[in-house]
Amino acid sequence: MNTAQPTLILNAEQIQQKIRRIAFQIYENNFEEATLLLAGIAGEGYILAQALARELKTIAPFSVNLLQLNFDKTQVAQPTVTVDPPVTSYSDAVVIVVDDVLYTGRTLAFSLQPFLSQPVRKLQVAVMVDRNHPRYPVAADYKGYELSTTLTEHVDVVLSDEGRMGVYLR
């Protein structure tokens, strides 16, 4: 068991800068849209989606709607994904799926299920950290930070605890 202290990669101020930069990139790539759907994966992904929505509301004229994607991330096959609040149609919508860390792409691949059965206008991905270990054909359109890691290392993104906010490598 690794008892060493985790290494701080990004502090709270740096995370805020990354969120602002990602929000500007989202705005630049979607400036002609009337509405965006930010679909955050339950946990830190949804908290990141909330922060992006707040930032987008200060810089962009379009409306931003938040969704939370809930599913069992430990499943080995496609789990059932529920969306909160429930949405009956994503037709012609611009959807940005948001998560804290892109590791193998498995969680993000699972999260796409609700949006693949309808003709969305755009389907994009935003993450705080991209770890560069792709096993699934999922890539992030918006990345806060790219970090090459070993398979035994773990990245923690803490957004929900003001006192510990940061990105940690352990």
N, C-alpha and C. Protein backbone atom coordinates (compact mmCIF):
# COMPACT_ATOMS: atom_id res chain seq x y z
N MET A 1 0.84 -1.18 0.00
CA MET A 1 0.00 0.00 0.00
C MET A 1 0.88 1.24 0.00
N ASN A 2 0.55 2.20 -0.85
CA ASN A 2 1.33 3.43 -0.97
C ASN A 2 0.85 4.42 0.09
N THR A 3 1.73 4.71 1.07
CA THR A 3 1.36 5.63 2.14
C THR A 3 1.95 7.01 1.94
N ALA A 4 2.64 7.21 0.83
CA ALA A 4 3.25 8.51 0.56
C ALA A 4 2.17 9.57 0.35
N GLN A 5 2.51 10.79 0.69
CA GLN A 5 1.60 11.92 0.48
C GLN A 5 1.36 12.11 -1.01
N PRO A 6 0.13 12.40 -1.42
CA PRO A 6 -0.11 12.67 -2.83
C PRO A 6 0.60 13.96 -3.26
N THR A 7 0.98 14.01 -4.52
CA THR A 7 1.65 15.17 -5.09
C THR A 7 0.60 16.11 -5.67
N LEU A 8 0.64 17.36 -5.27
CA LEU A 8 -0.29 18.35 -5.80
C LEU A 8 0.15 18.72 -7.22
N ILE A 9 -0.75 18.54 -8.18
CA ILE A 9 -0.47 18.85 -9.58
C ILE A 9 -1.06 20.22 -9.94
N LEU A 10 -2.31 20.47 -9.53
CA LEU A 10 -2.97 21.76 -9.74
C LEU A 10 -3.61 22.21 -8.44
N ASN A 11 -3.41 23.47 -8.08
CA ASN A 11 -4.07 24.00 -6.88
C ASN A 11 -5.41 24.63 -7.26
N ALA A 12 -6.13 25.14 -6.29
CA ALA A 12 -7.47 25.69 -6.53
C ALA A 12 -7.45 26.83 -7.54
N GLU A 13 -6.48 27.72 -7.43
CA GLU A 13 -6.39 28.84 -8.37
C GLU A 13 -6.13 28.35 -9.80
N GLN A 14 -5.25 27.38 -9.94
CA GLN A 14 -4.95 26.83 -11.26
C GLN A 14 -6.16 26.11 -11.85
N ILE A 15 -6.92 25.43 -11.00
CA ILE A 15 -8.14 24.76 -11.46
C ILE A 15 -9.12 25.79 -11.99
N GLN A 16 -9.29 26.91 -11.27
CA GLN A 16 -10.20 27.96 -11.73
C GLN A 16 -9.75 28.52 -13.08
N GLN A 17 -8.44 28.68 -13.26
CA GLN A 17 -7.92 29.15 -14.55
C GLN A 17 -8.24 28.15 -15.65
N LYS A 18 -8.09 26.86 -15.37
CA LYS A 18 -8.39 25.82 -16.37
C LYS A 18 -9.87 25.81 -16.71
N ILE A 19 -10.72 25.97 -15.72
CA ILE A 19 -12.16 26.00 -15.96
C ILE A 19 -12.52 27.19 -16.85
N ARG A 20 -11.94 28.33 -16.56
CA ARG A 20 -12.22 29.52 -17.38
C ARG A 20 -11.73 29.32 -18.83
N ARG A 21 -10.55 28.74 -18.98
CA ARG A 21 -10.02 28.51 -20.33
C ARG A 21 -10.90 27.52 -21.09
N ILE A 22 -11.31 26.44 -20.44
CA ILE A 22 -12.19 25.47 -21.10
C ILE A 22 -13.51 26.14 -21.49
N ALA A 23 -14.05 26.98 -20.61
CA ALA A 23 -15.31 27.68 -20.92
C ALA A 23 -15.15 28.56 -22.16
N PHE A 24 -14.04 29.27 -22.25
CA PHE A 24 -13.81 30.09 -23.44
C PHE A 24 -13.69 29.23 -24.70
N GLN A 25 -13.03 28.08 -24.60
CA GLN A 25 -12.91 27.19 -25.74
C GLN A 25 -14.28 26.66 -26.17
N ILE A 26 -15.10 26.30 -25.19
CA ILE A 26 -16.46 25.84 -25.49
C ILE A 26 -17.23 26.94 -26.20
N TYR A 27 -17.13 28.16 -25.68
CA TYR A 27 -17.82 29.30 -26.30
C TYR A 27 -17.33 29.51 -27.73
N GLU A 28 -16.02 29.50 -27.94
CA GLU A 28 -15.47 29.72 -29.28
C GLU A 28 -15.95 28.67 -30.28
N ASN A 29 -16.09 27.43 -29.84
CA ASN A 29 -16.51 26.36 -30.75
C ASN A 29 -18.02 26.24 -30.90
N ASN A 30 -18.76 26.97 -30.09
CA ASN A 30 -20.23 26.86 -30.12
C ASN A 30 -20.91 28.22 -30.08
N PHE A 31 -20.23 29.27 -30.53
CA PHE A 31 -20.77 30.63 -30.39
C PHE A 31 -22.06 30.87 -31.16
N GLU A 32 -22.34 30.07 -32.17
CA GLU A 32 -23.57 30.25 -32.95
C GLU A 32 -24.77 29.52 -32.37
N GLU A 33 -24.57 28.77 -31.31
CA GLU A 33 -25.65 27.98 -30.72
C GLU A 33 -26.53 28.83 -29.81
N ALA A 34 -27.77 28.40 -29.67
CA ALA A 34 -28.70 29.07 -28.77
C ALA A 34 -28.66 28.44 -27.38
N THR A 35 -28.37 27.14 -27.33
CA THR A 35 -28.39 26.39 -26.07
C THR A 35 -27.32 25.30 -26.10
N LEU A 36 -26.73 25.06 -24.95
CA LEU A 36 -25.81 23.94 -24.75
C LEU A 36 -26.34 23.07 -23.63
N LEU A 37 -26.12 21.77 -23.75
CA LEU A 37 -26.39 20.85 -22.66
C LEU A 37 -25.05 20.39 -22.11
N LEU A 38 -24.79 20.67 -20.84
CA LEU A 38 -23.59 20.15 -20.17
C LEU A 38 -24.03 18.95 -19.36
N ALA A 39 -23.54 17.77 -19.72
CA ALA A 39 -23.93 16.53 -19.06
C ALA A 39 -22.76 16.03 -18.23
N GLY A 40 -22.81 16.31 -16.94
CA GLY A 40 -21.73 15.92 -16.04
C GLY A 40 -21.95 14.53 -15.48
N ILE A 41 -20.88 13.74 -15.48
CA ILE A 41 -20.95 12.40 -14.90
C ILE A 41 -20.97 12.56 -13.38
N ALA A 42 -21.90 11.87 -12.72
CA ALA A 42 -22.11 12.02 -11.28
C ALA A 42 -20.80 11.98 -10.51
N GLY A 43 -20.68 12.87 -9.55
CA GLY A 43 -19.46 13.02 -8.77
C GLY A 43 -18.73 14.27 -9.19
N GLU A 44 -17.41 14.19 -9.29
CA GLU A 44 -16.61 15.36 -9.63
C GLU A 44 -16.87 15.84 -11.06
N GLY A 45 -17.29 14.94 -11.95
CA GLY A 45 -17.63 15.35 -13.31
C GLY A 45 -18.81 16.31 -13.33
N TYR A 46 -19.82 16.04 -12.50
CA TYR A 46 -20.97 16.94 -12.43
C TYR A 46 -20.59 18.26 -11.78
N ILE A 47 -19.74 18.21 -10.78
CA ILE A 47 -19.28 19.44 -10.12
C ILE A 47 -18.49 20.30 -11.12
N LEU A 48 -17.67 19.66 -11.95
CA LEU A 48 -16.96 20.39 -13.00
C LEU A 48 -17.94 20.98 -14.00
N ALA A 49 -18.97 20.24 -14.37
CA ALA A 49 -20.00 20.76 -15.30
C ALA A 49 -20.69 21.98 -14.69
N GLN A 50 -20.98 21.94 -13.40
CA GLN A 50 -21.59 23.10 -12.73
C GLN A 50 -20.68 24.31 -12.81
N ALA A 51 -19.39 24.12 -12.56
CA ALA A 51 -18.43 25.22 -12.61
C ALA A 51 -18.32 25.78 -14.02
N LEU A 52 -18.30 24.90 -15.02
CA LEU A 52 -18.26 25.35 -16.42
C LEU A 52 -19.53 26.13 -16.77
N ALA A 53 -20.67 25.67 -16.30
CA ALA A 53 -21.93 26.36 -16.57
C ALA A 53 -21.91 27.77 -15.97
N ARG A 54 -21.42 27.89 -14.73
CA ARG A 54 -21.32 29.22 -14.10
C ARG A 54 -20.43 30.14 -14.92
N GLU A 55 -19.30 29.61 -15.36
CA GLU A 55 -18.35 30.42 -16.13
C GLU A 55 -18.94 30.79 -17.49
N LEU A 56 -19.57 29.84 -18.15
CA LEU A 56 -20.18 30.12 -19.46
C LEU A 56 -21.26 31.18 -19.36
N LYS A 57 -22.01 31.18 -18.28
CA LYS A 57 -23.08 32.17 -18.11
C LYS A 57 -22.53 33.58 -18.00
N THR A 58 -21.25 33.73 -17.60
CA THR A 58 -20.66 35.07 -17.50
C THR A 58 -20.06 35.54 -18.81
N ILE A 59 -19.77 34.61 -19.75
CA ILE A 59 -19.08 35.02 -20.97
C ILE A 59 -19.87 34.79 -22.25
N ALA A 60 -20.88 33.92 -22.21
CA ALA A 60 -21.56 33.52 -23.44
C ALA A 60 -23.03 33.94 -23.43
N PRO A 61 -23.56 34.31 -24.59
CA PRO A 61 -24.96 34.72 -24.64
C PRO A 61 -25.95 33.55 -24.68
N PHE A 62 -25.49 32.33 -24.97
CA PHE A 62 -26.42 31.21 -25.07
C PHE A 62 -26.80 30.68 -23.70
N SER A 63 -27.89 29.92 -23.66
CA SER A 63 -28.30 29.33 -22.39
C SER A 63 -27.58 28.00 -22.21
N VAL A 64 -27.35 27.65 -20.96
CA VAL A 64 -26.65 26.42 -20.61
C VAL A 64 -27.55 25.63 -19.68
N ASN A 65 -27.83 24.39 -20.07
CA ASN A 65 -28.64 23.50 -19.24
C ASN A 65 -27.75 22.39 -18.70
N LEU A 66 -27.91 22.09 -17.42
CA LEU A 66 -27.11 21.07 -16.75
C LEU A 66 -27.88 19.77 -16.63
N LEU A 67 -27.18 18.68 -16.91
CA LEU A 67 -27.71 17.34 -16.71
C LEU A 67 -26.71 16.56 -15.88
N GLN A 68 -27.22 15.62 -15.09
CA GLN A 68 -26.32 14.72 -14.36
C GLN A 68 -26.52 13.31 -14.89
N LEU A 69 -25.42 12.66 -15.26
CA LEU A 69 -25.45 11.29 -15.75
C LEU A 69 -25.12 10.35 -14.60
N ASN A 70 -26.02 9.43 -14.32
CA ASN A 70 -25.85 8.49 -13.21
C ASN A 70 -25.78 7.07 -13.74
N PHE A 71 -24.74 6.35 -13.36
CA PHE A 71 -24.63 4.94 -13.71
C PHE A 71 -23.55 4.30 -12.85
N ASP A 72 -23.51 2.98 -12.85
CA ASP A 72 -22.54 2.22 -12.07
C ASP A 72 -21.25 2.11 -12.87
N LYS A 73 -20.23 2.86 -12.48
CA LYS A 73 -18.96 2.89 -13.20
C LYS A 73 -18.17 1.59 -13.06
N THR A 74 -18.57 0.69 -12.16
CA THR A 74 -17.84 -0.56 -11.97
C THR A 74 -18.32 -1.66 -12.90
N GLN A 75 -19.40 -1.45 -13.61
CA GLN A 75 -19.92 -2.47 -14.54
C GLN A 75 -18.90 -2.76 -15.64
N VAL A 76 -18.81 -4.00 -16.07
CA VAL A 76 -17.88 -4.36 -17.14
C VAL A 76 -18.53 -4.23 -18.51
N ALA A 77 -19.85 -4.20 -18.56
CA ALA A 77 -20.58 -3.99 -19.81
C ALA A 77 -21.42 -2.73 -19.64
N GLN A 78 -22.02 -2.27 -20.73
CA GLN A 78 -22.78 -1.02 -20.72
C GLN A 78 -23.83 -1.00 -19.61
N PRO A 79 -23.66 -0.14 -18.61
CA PRO A 79 -24.67 -0.03 -17.56
C PRO A 79 -25.84 0.85 -18.02
N THR A 80 -26.92 0.78 -17.30
CA THR A 80 -28.04 1.67 -17.57
C THR A 80 -27.65 3.07 -17.10
N VAL A 81 -27.84 4.05 -17.98
CA VAL A 81 -27.50 5.44 -17.67
C VAL A 81 -28.80 6.20 -17.47
N THR A 82 -28.94 6.85 -16.32
CA THR A 82 -30.10 7.71 -16.10
C THR A 82 -29.64 9.16 -16.14
N VAL A 83 -30.54 10.00 -16.61
CA VAL A 83 -30.24 11.42 -16.76
C VAL A 83 -31.15 12.20 -15.82
N ASP A 84 -30.55 13.11 -15.05
CA ASP A 84 -31.30 13.92 -14.10
C ASP A 84 -31.03 15.40 -14.37
N PRO A 85 -32.01 16.20 -14.67
CA PRO A 85 -33.42 15.86 -14.82
C PRO A 85 -33.64 15.08 -16.12
N PRO A 86 -34.68 14.24 -16.14
CA PRO A 86 -34.96 13.45 -17.35
C PRO A 86 -35.24 14.36 -18.55
N VAL A 87 -34.67 14.01 -19.68
CA VAL A 87 -34.89 14.74 -20.91
C VAL A 87 -35.43 13.74 -21.92
N THR A 88 -36.50 14.09 -22.61
CA THR A 88 -37.11 13.15 -23.55
C THR A 88 -36.45 13.19 -24.92
N SER A 89 -35.82 14.32 -25.27
CA SER A 89 -35.22 14.41 -26.59
C SER A 89 -33.94 15.23 -26.57
N TYR A 90 -32.93 14.71 -27.28
CA TYR A 90 -31.67 15.43 -27.47
C TYR A 90 -31.50 15.81 -28.94
N SER A 91 -32.56 15.62 -29.71
CA SER A 91 -32.49 15.89 -31.14
C SER A 91 -32.04 17.31 -31.40
N ASP A 92 -31.04 17.44 -32.25
CA ASP A 92 -30.49 18.72 -32.69
C ASP A 92 -29.85 19.51 -31.54
N ALA A 93 -29.50 18.84 -30.46
CA ALA A 93 -28.88 19.51 -29.32
C ALA A 93 -27.35 19.43 -29.41
N VAL A 94 -26.70 20.41 -28.82
CA VAL A 94 -25.25 20.36 -28.63
C VAL A 94 -25.03 19.88 -27.21
N VAL A 95 -24.40 18.71 -27.09
CA VAL A 95 -24.18 18.07 -25.79
C VAL A 95 -22.69 17.99 -25.53
N ILE A 96 -22.29 18.43 -24.34
CA ILE A 96 -20.90 18.28 -23.92
C ILE A 96 -20.91 17.42 -22.66
N VAL A 97 -20.32 16.23 -22.78
CA VAL A 97 -20.21 15.31 -21.65
C VAL A 97 -18.97 15.73 -20.86
N VAL A 98 -19.12 15.87 -19.54
CA VAL A 98 -18.06 16.40 -18.69
C VAL A 98 -17.70 15.37 -17.61
N ASP A 99 -16.39 15.13 -17.46
CA ASP A 99 -15.91 14.27 -16.38
C ASP A 99 -14.61 14.86 -15.83
N ASP A 100 -14.20 14.37 -14.68
CA ASP A 100 -13.00 14.90 -14.06
C ASP A 100 -11.73 14.38 -14.71
N VAL A 101 -11.64 13.05 -14.94
CA VAL A 101 -10.43 12.45 -15.48
C VAL A 101 -10.77 11.53 -16.65
N LEU A 102 -10.02 11.65 -17.73
CA LEU A 102 -10.11 10.70 -18.83
C LEU A 102 -8.91 9.77 -18.69
N TYR A 103 -9.18 8.52 -18.35
CA TYR A 103 -8.11 7.54 -18.16
C TYR A 103 -8.09 6.59 -19.36
N THR A 104 -8.95 5.58 -19.36
CA THR A 104 -8.99 4.66 -20.50
C THR A 104 -10.08 5.03 -21.51
N GLY A 105 -11.03 5.85 -21.09
CA GLY A 105 -12.15 6.22 -21.95
C GLY A 105 -13.39 5.38 -21.70
N ARG A 106 -13.30 4.38 -20.84
CA ARG A 106 -14.42 3.47 -20.58
C ARG A 106 -15.62 4.19 -19.98
N THR A 107 -15.40 4.97 -18.95
CA THR A 107 -16.51 5.68 -18.30
C THR A 107 -17.17 6.64 -19.28
N LEU A 108 -16.36 7.37 -20.03
CA LEU A 108 -16.93 8.30 -21.01
C LEU A 108 -17.66 7.56 -22.12
N ALA A 109 -17.14 6.42 -22.55
CA ALA A 109 -17.83 5.63 -23.57
C ALA A 109 -19.20 5.19 -23.05
N PHE A 110 -19.26 4.73 -21.81
CA PHE A 110 -20.54 4.34 -21.21
C PHE A 110 -21.50 5.52 -21.16
N SER A 111 -20.98 6.71 -20.85
CA SER A 111 -21.83 7.89 -20.65
C SER A 111 -22.48 8.40 -21.93
N LEU A 112 -22.01 7.96 -23.08
CA LEU A 112 -22.55 8.44 -24.36
C LEU A 112 -23.88 7.79 -24.72
N GLN A 113 -24.22 6.70 -24.07
CA GLN A 113 -25.41 5.91 -24.42
C GLN A 113 -26.69 6.72 -24.62
N PRO A 114 -27.06 7.64 -23.73
CA PRO A 114 -28.33 8.36 -23.94
C PRO A 114 -28.34 9.23 -25.20
N PHE A 115 -27.17 9.62 -25.67
CA PHE A 115 -27.08 10.57 -26.77
C PHE A 115 -26.88 9.91 -28.13
N LEU A 116 -26.60 8.62 -28.15
CA LEU A 116 -26.34 7.93 -29.41
C LEU A 116 -27.61 7.43 -30.11
N SER A 117 -28.73 7.44 -29.40
CA SER A 117 -29.97 6.95 -30.00
C SER A 117 -30.77 8.06 -30.68
N GLN A 118 -30.26 9.29 -30.64
CA GLN A 118 -30.96 10.42 -31.24
C GLN A 118 -29.96 11.28 -32.03
N PRO A 119 -30.46 12.00 -33.01
CA PRO A 119 -29.55 12.81 -33.83
C PRO A 119 -29.17 14.13 -33.14
N VAL A 120 -28.14 14.09 -32.29
CA VAL A 120 -27.65 15.32 -31.68
C VAL A 120 -26.87 16.11 -32.73
N ARG A 121 -26.83 17.41 -32.56
CA ARG A 121 -26.08 18.25 -33.51
C ARG A 121 -24.58 18.07 -33.33
N LYS A 122 -24.12 18.11 -32.07
CA LYS A 122 -22.72 17.89 -31.73
C LYS A 122 -22.67 17.12 -30.42
N LEU A 123 -21.66 16.28 -30.30
CA LEU A 123 -21.41 15.56 -29.06
C LEU A 123 -19.92 15.72 -28.77
N GLN A 124 -19.62 16.45 -27.70
CA GLN A 124 -18.24 16.78 -27.35
C GLN A 124 -17.94 16.30 -25.94
N VAL A 125 -16.65 16.27 -25.59
CA VAL A 125 -16.21 15.81 -24.28
C VAL A 125 -15.27 16.84 -23.67
N ALA A 126 -15.48 17.12 -22.38
CA ALA A 126 -14.60 18.02 -21.63
C ALA A 126 -14.14 17.30 -20.36
N VAL A 127 -12.86 17.39 -20.06
CA VAL A 127 -12.30 16.79 -18.84
C VAL A 127 -11.31 17.75 -18.21
N MET A 128 -11.12 17.60 -16.91
CA MET A 128 -10.11 18.40 -16.23
C MET A 128 -8.72 17.82 -16.51
N VAL A 129 -8.58 16.48 -16.45
CA VAL A 129 -7.28 15.83 -16.66
C VAL A 129 -7.42 14.71 -17.67
N ASP A 130 -6.54 14.71 -18.67
CA ASP A 130 -6.44 13.63 -19.64
C ASP A 130 -5.16 12.86 -19.33
N ARG A 131 -5.29 11.58 -18.96
CA ARG A 131 -4.13 10.77 -18.53
C ARG A 131 -3.41 10.05 -19.66
N ASN A 132 -3.91 10.10 -20.85
CA ASN A 132 -3.22 9.52 -22.02
C ASN A 132 -3.05 8.01 -21.97
N HIS A 133 -4.09 7.28 -21.58
CA HIS A 133 -4.07 5.82 -21.61
C HIS A 133 -5.30 5.30 -22.36
N PRO A 134 -5.47 5.68 -23.63
CA PRO A 134 -6.70 5.31 -24.32
C PRO A 134 -6.82 3.81 -24.60
N ARG A 135 -7.95 3.26 -24.21
CA ARG A 135 -8.31 1.89 -24.55
C ARG A 135 -9.63 1.87 -25.31
N TYR A 136 -10.36 2.94 -25.22
CA TYR A 136 -11.65 3.10 -25.91
C TYR A 136 -11.52 4.29 -26.84
N PRO A 137 -12.27 4.29 -27.94
CA PRO A 137 -12.14 5.39 -28.91
C PRO A 137 -12.85 6.67 -28.47
N VAL A 138 -12.41 7.20 -27.34
CA VAL A 138 -12.97 8.43 -26.80
C VAL A 138 -11.81 9.40 -26.58
N ALA A 139 -11.97 10.59 -27.12
CA ALA A 139 -10.96 11.63 -26.91
C ALA A 139 -11.66 12.87 -26.38
N ALA A 140 -10.92 13.67 -25.62
CA ALA A 140 -11.49 14.89 -25.07
C ALA A 140 -11.31 16.04 -26.06
N ASP A 141 -12.39 16.78 -26.29
CA ASP A 141 -12.33 17.99 -27.11
C ASP A 141 -11.76 19.14 -26.30
N TYR A 142 -12.01 19.12 -24.99
CA TYR A 142 -11.57 20.18 -24.09
C TYR A 142 -10.86 19.53 -22.91
N LYS A 143 -9.62 19.94 -22.67
CA LYS A 143 -8.81 19.37 -21.59
C LYS A 143 -8.26 20.51 -20.74
N GLY A 144 -8.37 20.34 -19.43
CA GLY A 144 -7.75 21.31 -18.55
C GLY A 144 -6.25 21.07 -18.46
N TYR A 145 -5.86 19.78 -18.40
CA TYR A 145 -4.46 19.43 -18.17
C TYR A 145 -4.21 18.04 -18.72
N GLU A 146 -3.12 17.88 -19.43
CA GLU A 146 -2.70 16.56 -19.91
C GLU A 146 -1.58 16.06 -19.02
N LEU A 147 -1.70 14.82 -18.57
CA LEU A 147 -0.74 14.27 -17.63
C LEU A 147 -0.44 12.83 -18.00
N SER A 148 0.78 12.56 -18.43
CA SER A 148 1.19 11.19 -18.72
C SER A 148 1.54 10.51 -17.41
N THR A 149 0.88 9.40 -17.16
CA THR A 149 1.07 8.69 -15.90
C THR A 149 1.35 7.22 -16.19
N THR A 150 1.79 6.50 -15.17
CA THR A 150 1.92 5.06 -15.29
C THR A 150 0.57 4.44 -14.97
N LEU A 151 0.41 3.18 -15.29
CA LEU A 151 -0.85 2.49 -15.02
C LEU A 151 -1.10 2.31 -13.53
N THR A 152 -0.04 2.35 -12.72
CA THR A 152 -0.21 2.13 -11.28
C THR A 152 -0.49 3.43 -10.52
N GLU A 153 -0.30 4.57 -11.17
CA GLU A 153 -0.56 5.85 -10.51
C GLU A 153 -2.05 6.17 -10.56
N HIS A 154 -2.48 7.01 -9.67
CA HIS A 154 -3.88 7.40 -9.59
C HIS A 154 -3.97 8.93 -9.54
N VAL A 155 -4.94 9.48 -10.25
CA VAL A 155 -5.16 10.92 -10.25
C VAL A 155 -6.49 11.20 -9.55
N ASP A 156 -6.45 12.07 -8.56
CA ASP A 156 -7.66 12.51 -7.85
C ASP A 156 -7.91 13.96 -8.19
N VAL A 157 -9.11 14.24 -8.66
CA VAL A 157 -9.55 15.62 -8.87
C VAL A 157 -10.53 15.92 -7.76
N VAL A 158 -10.21 16.90 -6.94
CA VAL A 158 -11.07 17.26 -5.81
C VAL A 158 -11.63 18.65 -6.08
N LEU A 159 -12.92 18.71 -6.37
CA LEU A 159 -13.59 19.98 -6.62
C LEU A 159 -14.64 20.28 -5.56
N SER A 160 -15.07 19.23 -4.85
CA SER A 160 -16.18 19.37 -3.91
C SER A 160 -15.75 19.82 -2.52
N ASP A 161 -14.46 19.85 -2.23
CA ASP A 161 -13.96 20.22 -0.91
C ASP A 161 -13.11 21.48 -1.05
N GLU A 162 -13.69 22.64 -0.70
CA GLU A 162 -12.98 23.93 -0.86
C GLU A 162 -11.59 23.92 -0.24
N GLY A 163 -11.44 23.31 0.91
CA GLY A 163 -10.16 23.31 1.61
C GLY A 163 -9.11 22.42 0.95
N ARG A 164 -9.55 21.42 0.21
CA ARG A 164 -8.62 20.47 -0.44
C ARG A 164 -8.67 20.57 -1.95
N MET A 165 -9.37 21.55 -2.51
CA MET A 165 -9.53 21.62 -3.97
C MET A 165 -8.18 21.51 -4.64
N GLY A 166 -8.09 20.58 -5.59
CA GLY A 166 -6.85 20.41 -6.32
C GLY A 166 -6.87 19.13 -7.14
N VAL A 167 -5.81 18.96 -7.91
CA VAL A 167 -5.58 17.72 -8.65
C VAL A 167 -4.35 17.09 -8.03
N TYR A 168 -4.48 15.84 -7.63
CA TYR A 168 -3.43 15.14 -6.90
C TYR A 168 -3.02 13.87 -7.64
N LEU A 169 -1.73 13.57 -7.61
CA LEU A 169 -1.20 12.32 -8.16
C LEU A 169 -0.71 11.48 -6.99
N ARG A 170 -1.14 10.23 -6.97
CA ARG A 170 -0.65 9.31 -5.93
C ARG A 170 -0.36 7.96 -6.53
